[in-house]
PDB file of N, CA and C in Angstrom:
ATOM      1  N   MET A   1     -11.885  21.666   2.320  1.00  0.00           N
ATOM      2  CA  MET A   1     -12.895  20.828   1.691  1.00  0.00           C
ATOM      3  C   MET A   1     -14.183  21.637   1.597  1.00  0.00           C
ATOM      4  N   THR A   2     -14.733  21.684   0.412  1.00  0.00           N
ATOM      5  CA  THR A   2     -15.955  22.425   0.153  1.00  0.00           C
ATOM      6  C   THR A   2     -17.027  21.455  -0.320  1.00  0.00           C
ATOM      7  N   ILE A   3     -18.263  21.663   0.135  1.00  0.00           N
ATOM      8  CA  ILE A   3     -19.374  20.791  -0.253  1.00  0.00           C
ATOM      9  C   ILE A   3     -20.338  21.576  -1.140  1.00  0.00           C
ATOM     10  N   TYR A   4     -20.673  21.003  -2.306  1.00  0.00           N
ATOM     11  CA  TYR A   4     -21.632  21.588  -3.244  1.00  0.00           C
ATOM     12  C   TYR A   4     -22.728  20.579  -3.513  1.00  0.00           C
ATOM     13  N   ASN A   5     -23.960  21.070  -3.696  1.00  0.00           N
ATOM     14  CA  ASN A   5     -25.021  20.135  -4.071  1.00  0.00           C
ATOM     15  C   ASN A   5     -24.960  19.901  -5.574  1.00  0.00           C
ATOM     16  N   MET A   6     -25.722  18.942  -6.051  1.00  0.00           N
ATOM     17  CA  MET A   6     -25.683  18.539  -7.459  1.00  0.00           C
ATOM     18  C   MET A   6     -25.946  19.711  -8.404  1.00  0.00           C
ATOM     19  N   HIS A   7     -26.998  20.464  -8.138  1.00  0.00           N
ATOM     20  CA  HIS A   7     -27.359  21.571  -9.032  1.00  0.00           C
ATOM     21  C   HIS A   7     -26.236  22.604  -9.089  1.00  0.00           C
ATOM     22  N   GLU A   8     -25.684  22.978  -7.931  1.00  0.00           N
ATOM     23  CA  GLU A   8     -24.578  23.938  -7.892  1.00  0.00           C
ATOM     24  C   GLU A   8     -23.366  23.419  -8.655  1.00  0.00           C
ATOM     25  N   SER A   9     -23.067  22.122  -8.474  1.00  0.00           N
ATOM     26  CA  SER A   9     -21.877  21.566  -9.119  1.00  0.00           C
ATOM     27  C   SER A   9     -22.015  21.563 -10.645  1.00  0.00           C
ATOM     28  N   LYS A  10     -23.236  21.315 -11.147  1.00  0.00           N
ATOM     29  CA  LYS A  10     -23.438  21.360 -12.593  1.00  0.00           C
ATOM     30  C   LYS A  10     -23.309  22.789 -13.125  1.00  0.00           C
ATOM     31  N   THR A  11     -23.833  23.725 -12.363  1.00  0.00           N
ATOM     32  CA  THR A  11     -23.810  25.121 -12.785  1.00  0.00           C
ATOM     33  C   THR A  11     -22.406  25.709 -12.758  1.00  0.00           C
ATOM     34  N   HIS A  12     -21.597  25.327 -11.750  1.00  0.00           N
ATOM     35  CA  HIS A  12     -20.284  25.933 -11.540  1.00  0.00           C
ATOM     36  C   HIS A  12     -19.150  24.922 -11.700  1.00  0.00           C
ATOM     37  N   PHE A  13     -19.315  23.983 -12.628  1.00  0.00           N
ATOM     38  CA  PHE A  13     -18.332  22.905 -12.766  1.00  0.00           C
ATOM     39  C   PHE A  13     -16.921  23.415 -13.063  1.00  0.00           C
ATOM     40  N   SER A  14     -16.787  24.356 -13.982  1.00  0.00           N
ATOM     41  CA  SER A  14     -15.446  24.854 -14.314  1.00  0.00           C
ATOM     42  C   SER A  14     -14.815  25.562 -13.117  1.00  0.00           C
ATOM     43  N   HIS A  15     -15.614  26.237 -12.312  1.00  0.00           N
ATOM     44  CA  HIS A  15     -15.109  26.879 -11.091  1.00  0.00           C
ATOM     45  C   HIS A  15     -14.618  25.814 -10.101  1.00  0.00           C
ATOM     46  N   LEU A  16     -15.354  24.723  -9.995  1.00  0.00           N
ATOM     47  CA  LEU A  16     -14.944  23.634  -9.093  1.00  0.00           C
ATOM     48  C   LEU A  16     -13.627  23.015  -9.559  1.00  0.00           C
ATOM     49  N   ILE A  17     -13.479  22.836 -10.854  1.00  0.00           N
ATOM     50  CA  ILE A  17     -12.231  22.278 -11.391  1.00  0.00           C
ATOM     51  C   ILE A  17     -11.063  23.216 -11.096  1.00  0.00           C
ATOM     52  N   GLU A  18     -11.273  24.513 -11.187  1.00  0.00           N
ATOM     53  CA  GLU A  18     -10.218  25.475 -10.839  1.00  0.00           C
ATOM     54  C   GLU A  18      -9.801  25.315  -9.379  1.00  0.00           C
ATOM     55  N   ARG A  19     -10.779  25.119  -8.501  1.00  0.00           N
ATOM     56  CA  ARG A  19     -10.461  24.927  -7.078  1.00  0.00           C
ATOM     57  C   ARG A  19      -9.659  23.647  -6.876  1.00  0.00           C
ATOM     58  N   VAL A  20     -10.029  22.596  -7.595  1.00  0.00           N
ATOM     59  CA  VAL A  20      -9.304  21.327  -7.489  1.00  0.00           C
ATOM     60  C   VAL A  20      -7.878  21.490  -8.007  1.00  0.00           C
ATOM     61  N   LEU A  21      -7.715  22.202  -9.113  1.00  0.00           N
ATOM     62  CA  LEU A  21      -6.385  22.432  -9.663  1.00  0.00           C
ATOM     63  C   LEU A  21      -5.502  23.222  -8.700  1.00  0.00           C
ATOM     64  N   ASN A  22      -6.117  23.996  -7.822  1.00  0.00           N
ATOM     65  CA  ASN A  22      -5.372  24.749  -6.807  1.00  0.00           C
ATOM     66  C   ASN A  22      -5.121  23.921  -5.554  1.00  0.00           C
ATOM     67  N   GLY A  23      -5.450  22.621  -5.604  1.00  0.00           N
ATOM     68  CA  GLY A  23      -5.139  21.721  -4.495  1.00  0.00           C
ATOM     69  C   GLY A  23      -6.274  21.457  -3.529  1.00  0.00           C
ATOM     70  N   GLU A  24      -7.430  22.021  -3.758  1.00  0.00           N
ATOM     71  CA  GLU A  24      -8.551  21.846  -2.845  1.00  0.00           C
ATOM     72  C   GLU A  24      -9.343  20.589  -3.196  1.00  0.00           C
ATOM     73  N   GLU A  25      -9.968  19.987  -2.214  1.00  0.00           N
ATOM     74  CA  GLU A  25     -10.842  18.841  -2.437  1.00  0.00           C
ATOM     75  C   GLU A  25     -12.281  19.332  -2.405  1.00  0.00           C
ATOM     76  N   VAL A  26     -13.102  18.872  -3.351  1.00  0.00           N
ATOM     77  CA  VAL A  26     -14.500  19.296  -3.452  1.00  0.00           C
ATOM     78  C   VAL A  26     -15.387  18.073  -3.283  1.00  0.00           C
ATOM     79  N   ILE A  27     -16.414  18.208  -2.457  1.00  0.00           N
ATOM     80  CA  ILE A  27     -17.379  17.131  -2.221  1.00  0.00           C
ATOM     81  C   ILE A  27     -18.693  17.500  -2.903  1.00  0.00           C
ATOM     82  N   ILE A  28     -19.276  16.541  -3.623  1.00  0.00           N
ATOM     83  CA  ILE A  28     -20.577  16.728  -4.270  1.00  0.00           C
ATOM     84  C   ILE A  28     -21.609  15.974  -3.434  1.00  0.00           C
ATOM     85  N   ALA A  29     -22.714  16.656  -3.127  1.00  0.00           N
ATOM     86  CA  ALA A  29     -23.747  16.057  -2.275  1.00  0.00           C
ATOM     87  C   ALA A  29     -25.082  16.013  -2.999  1.00  0.00           C
ATOM     88  N   ARG A  30     -25.876  15.019  -2.643  1.00  0.00           N
ATOM     89  CA  ARG A  30     -27.256  14.913  -3.125  1.00  0.00           C
ATOM     90  C   ARG A  30     -28.146  14.884  -1.889  1.00  0.00           C
ATOM     91  N   ASP A  31     -29.080  15.797  -1.824  1.00  0.00           N
ATOM     92  CA  ASP A  31     -29.969  15.927  -0.668  1.00  0.00           C
ATOM     93  C   ASP A  31     -29.184  16.059   0.638  1.00  0.00           C
ATOM     94  N   GLY A  32     -28.049  16.763   0.581  1.00  0.00           N
ATOM     95  CA  GLY A  32     -27.251  17.008   1.776  1.00  0.00           C
ATOM     96  C   GLY A  32     -26.320  15.883   2.179  1.00  0.00           C
ATOM     97  N   LYS A  33     -26.350  14.760   1.438  1.00  0.00           N
ATOM     98  CA  LYS A  33     -25.490  13.624   1.759  1.00  0.00           C
ATOM     99  C   LYS A  33     -24.363  13.541   0.735  1.00  0.00           C
ATOM    100  N   PRO A  34     -23.100  13.498   1.190  1.00  0.00           N
ATOM    101  CA  PRO A  34     -21.969  13.415   0.255  1.00  0.00           C
ATOM    102  C   PRO A  34     -22.033  12.137  -0.582  1.00  0.00           C
ATOM    103  N   VAL A  35     -21.830  12.282  -1.897  1.00  0.00           N
ATOM    104  CA  VAL A  35     -21.865  11.123  -2.793  1.00  0.00           C
ATOM    105  C   VAL A  35     -20.619  10.991  -3.655  1.00  0.00           C
ATOM    106  N   ALA A  36     -19.852  12.085  -3.816  1.00  0.00           N
ATOM    107  CA  ALA A  36     -18.666  12.027  -4.666  1.00  0.00           C
ATOM    108  C   ALA A  36     -17.622  13.015  -4.159  1.00  0.00           C
ATOM    109  N   ARG A  37     -16.378  12.703  -4.499  1.00  0.00           N
ATOM    110  CA  ARG A  37     -15.265  13.560  -4.115  1.00  0.00           C
ATOM    111  C   ARG A  37     -14.436  13.861  -5.364  1.00  0.00           C
ATOM    112  N   ILE A  38     -14.134  15.129  -5.569  1.00  0.00           N
ATOM    113  CA  ILE A  38     -13.241  15.533  -6.654  1.00  0.00           C
ATOM    114  C   ILE A  38     -11.950  15.996  -6.001  1.00  0.00           C
ATOM    115  N   SER A  39     -10.859  15.356  -6.354  1.00  0.00           N
ATOM    116  CA  SER A  39      -9.574  15.719  -5.764  1.00  0.00           C
ATOM    117  C   SER A  39      -8.513  15.749  -6.858  1.00  0.00           C
ATOM    118  N   PRO A  40      -7.435  16.495  -6.621  1.00  0.00           N
ATOM    119  CA  PRO A  40      -6.392  16.573  -7.645  1.00  0.00           C
ATOM    120  C   PRO A  40      -5.660  15.249  -7.803  1.00  0.00           C
ATOM    121  N   ILE A  41      -5.182  14.987  -9.011  1.00  0.00           N
ATOM    122  CA  ILE A  41      -4.383  13.792  -9.271  1.00  0.00           C
ATOM    123  C   ILE A  41      -2.945  14.124  -8.933  1.00  0.00           C
ATOM    124  N   LEU A  42      -2.346  13.302  -8.104  1.00  0.00           N
ATOM    125  CA  LEU A  42      -0.973  13.534  -7.683  1.00  0.00           C
ATOM    126  C   LEU A  42      -0.015  12.864  -8.650  1.00  0.00           C
ATOM    127  N   ASP A  43       0.884  13.641  -9.233  1.00  0.00           N
ATOM    128  CA  ASP A  43       1.833  13.123 -10.205  1.00  0.00           C
ATOM    129  C   ASP A  43       3.178  12.749  -9.595  1.00  0.00           C
ATOM    130  N   ASP A  44       3.351  12.974  -8.304  1.00  0.00           N
ATOM    131  CA  ASP A  44       4.655  12.759  -7.701  1.00  0.00           C
ATOM    132  C   ASP A  44       4.865  11.328  -7.189  1.00  0.00           C
ATOM    133  N   VAL A  45       4.147  10.372  -7.730  1.00  0.00           N
ATOM    134  CA  VAL A  45       4.306   8.977  -7.341  1.00  0.00           C
ATOM    135  C   VAL A  45       5.584   8.447  -7.997  1.00  0.00           C
ATOM    136  N   SER A  46       6.467   7.918  -7.179  1.00  0.00           N
ATOM    137  CA  SER A  46       7.730   7.435  -7.730  1.00  0.00           C
ATOM    138  C   SER A  46       7.534   6.086  -8.420  1.00  0.00           C
ATOM    139  N   ALA A  47       8.349   5.847  -9.407  1.00  0.00           N
ATOM    140  CA  ALA A  47       8.283   4.592 -10.149  1.00  0.00           C
ATOM    141  C   ALA A  47       8.791   3.439  -9.281  1.00  0.00           C
ATOM    142  N   ARG A  48       8.185   2.281  -9.444  1.00  0.00           N
ATOM    143  CA  ARG A  48       8.622   1.106  -8.700  1.00  0.00           C
ATOM    144  C   ARG A  48       9.944   0.601  -9.260  1.00  0.00           C
ATOM    145  N   VAL A  49      10.804   0.173  -8.345  1.00  0.00           N
ATOM    146  CA  VAL A  49      12.098  -0.370  -8.744  1.00  0.00           C
ATOM    147  C   VAL A  49      12.166  -1.809  -8.248  1.00  0.00           C
ATOM    148  N   PRO A  50      12.177  -2.787  -9.146  1.00  0.00           N
ATOM    149  CA  PRO A  50      12.220  -4.181  -8.727  1.00  0.00           C
ATOM    150  C   PRO A  50      13.520  -4.497  -7.990  1.00  0.00           C
ATOM    151  N   GLY A  51      13.394  -5.323  -6.949  1.00  0.00           N
ATOM    152  CA  GLY A  51      14.572  -5.813  -6.251  1.00  0.00           C
ATOM    153  C   GLY A  51      15.028  -4.979  -5.067  1.00  0.00           C
ATOM    154  N   LEU A  52      14.274  -3.946  -4.676  1.00  0.00           N
ATOM    155  CA  LEU A  52      14.704  -3.112  -3.557  1.00  0.00           C
ATOM    156  C   LEU A  52      14.753  -3.881  -2.232  1.00  0.00           C
ATOM    157  N   ASP A  53      13.899  -4.871  -2.063  1.00  0.00           N
ATOM    158  CA  ASP A  53      13.853  -5.624  -0.810  1.00  0.00           C
ATOM    159  C   ASP A  53      14.557  -6.974  -0.907  1.00  0.00           C
ATOM    160  N   LYS A  54      15.385  -7.144  -1.888  1.00  0.00           N
ATOM    161  CA  LYS A  54      16.088  -8.408  -2.074  1.00  0.00           C
ATOM    162  C   LYS A  54      16.942  -8.715  -0.835  1.00  0.00           C
ATOM    163  N   GLY A  55      16.798  -9.939  -0.327  1.00  0.00           N
ATOM    164  CA  GLY A  55      17.561 -10.362   0.836  1.00  0.00           C
ATOM    165  C   GLY A  55      16.903 -10.038   2.171  1.00  0.00           C
ATOM    166  N   LYS A  56      15.783  -9.343   2.175  1.00  0.00           N
ATOM    167  CA  LYS A  56      15.104  -8.974   3.420  1.00  0.00           C
ATOM    168  C   LYS A  56      14.117 -10.036   3.887  1.00  0.00           C
ATOM    169  N   VAL A  57      13.750 -10.953   3.009  1.00  0.00           N
ATOM    170  CA  VAL A  57      12.785 -11.997   3.351  1.00  0.00           C
ATOM    171  C   VAL A  57      13.445 -13.344   3.119  1.00  0.00           C
ATOM    172  N   SER A  58      13.281 -14.235   4.111  1.00  0.00           N
ATOM    173  CA  SER A  58      13.795 -15.595   3.919  1.00  0.00           C
ATOM    174  C   SER A  58      12.674 -16.586   4.184  1.00  0.00           C
ATOM    175  N   ILE A  59      12.622 -17.617   3.381  1.00  0.00           N
ATOM    176  CA  ILE A  59      11.591 -18.635   3.516  1.00  0.00           C
ATOM    177  C   ILE A  59      12.287 -19.926   3.913  1.00  0.00           C
ATOM    178  N   SER A  60      11.842 -20.493   5.011  1.00  0.00           N
ATOM    179  CA  SER A  60      12.409 -21.729   5.532  1.00  0.00           C
ATOM    180  C   SER A  60      12.134 -22.870   4.552  1.00  0.00           C
ATOM    181  N   PRO A  61      13.080 -23.821   4.431  1.00  0.00           N
ATOM    182  CA  PRO A  61      12.865 -24.944   3.503  1.00  0.00           C
ATOM    183  C   PRO A  61      11.633 -25.789   3.843  1.00  0.00           C
ATOM    184  N   ASP A  62      11.222 -25.788   5.120  1.00  0.00           N
ATOM    185  CA  ASP A  62      10.065 -26.599   5.516  1.00  0.00           C
ATOM    186  C   ASP A  62       8.817 -25.731   5.750  1.00  0.00           C
ATOM    187  N   PHE A  63       8.696 -24.610   5.029  1.00  0.00           N
ATOM    188  CA  PHE A  63       7.584 -23.700   5.269  1.00  0.00           C
ATOM    189  C   PHE A  63       6.220 -24.337   5.016  1.00  0.00           C
ATOM    190  N   ASP A  64       6.160 -25.349   4.174  1.00  0.00           N
ATOM    191  CA  ASP A  64       4.876 -25.975   3.886  1.00  0.00           C
ATOM    192  C   ASP A  64       4.703 -27.325   4.574  1.00  0.00           C
ATOM    193  N   ALA A  65       5.565 -27.622   5.538  1.00  0.00           N
ATOM    194  CA  ALA A  65       5.454 -28.875   6.299  1.00  0.00           C
ATOM    195  C   ALA A  65       4.255 -28.780   7.240  1.00  0.00           C
ATOM    196  N   PRO A  66       3.600 -29.909   7.537  1.00  0.00           N
ATOM    197  CA  PRO A  66       2.457 -29.878   8.456  1.00  0.00           C
ATOM    198  C   PRO A  66       2.888 -29.420   9.850  1.00  0.00           C
ATOM    199  N   LEU A  67       2.017 -28.676  10.501  1.00  0.00           N
ATOM    200  CA  LEU A  67       2.299 -28.211  11.858  1.00  0.00           C
ATOM    201  C   LEU A  67       1.999 -29.327  12.849  1.00  0.00           C
ATOM    202  N   GLN A  68       2.809 -29.413  13.917  1.00  0.00           N
ATOM    203  CA  GLN A  68       2.649 -30.491  14.905  1.00  0.00           C
ATOM    204  C   GLN A  68       1.282 -30.463  15.574  1.00  0.00           C
ATOM    205  N   GLU A  69       0.762 -29.292  15.881  1.00  0.00           N
ATOM    206  CA  GLU A  69      -0.509 -29.221  16.590  1.00  0.00           C
ATOM    207  C   GLU A  69      -1.701 -29.687  15.750  1.00  0.00           C
ATOM    208  N   PHE A  70      -1.502 -29.861  14.438  1.00  0.00           N
ATOM    209  CA  PHE A  70      -2.575 -30.319  13.589  1.00  0.00           C
ATOM    210  C   PHE A  70      -2.439 -31.800  13.205  1.00  0.00           C
ATOM    211  N   ASP A  71      -1.380 -32.451  13.681  1.00  0.00           N
ATOM    212  CA  ASP A  71      -1.228 -33.877  13.417  1.00  0.00           C
ATOM    213  C   ASP A  71      -2.299 -34.649  14.180  1.00  0.00           C
ATOM    214  N   LEU A  72      -2.910 -35.596  13.514  1.00  0.00           N
ATOM    215  CA  LEU A  72      -3.961 -36.398  14.156  1.00  0.00           C
ATOM    216  C   LEU A  72      -3.444 -37.732  14.602  1.00  0.00           C
TER     217      LEU A  72
END
């Protein structure tokens, strides 16, 4: 992780993008305080497949019945 101030980041933006493309995370700071993070976009997110957890959850027929401790 590398920290650059605003002026440096504007001056060397293409260099910062090259570092990000190589997998590095870059932090942009204003007056020494971090304000933004530039990180690579990860493309290896797998697609969602509906129904993978089918049968793993069961809901009781009386799930919405009043609880005994709350009966007045």
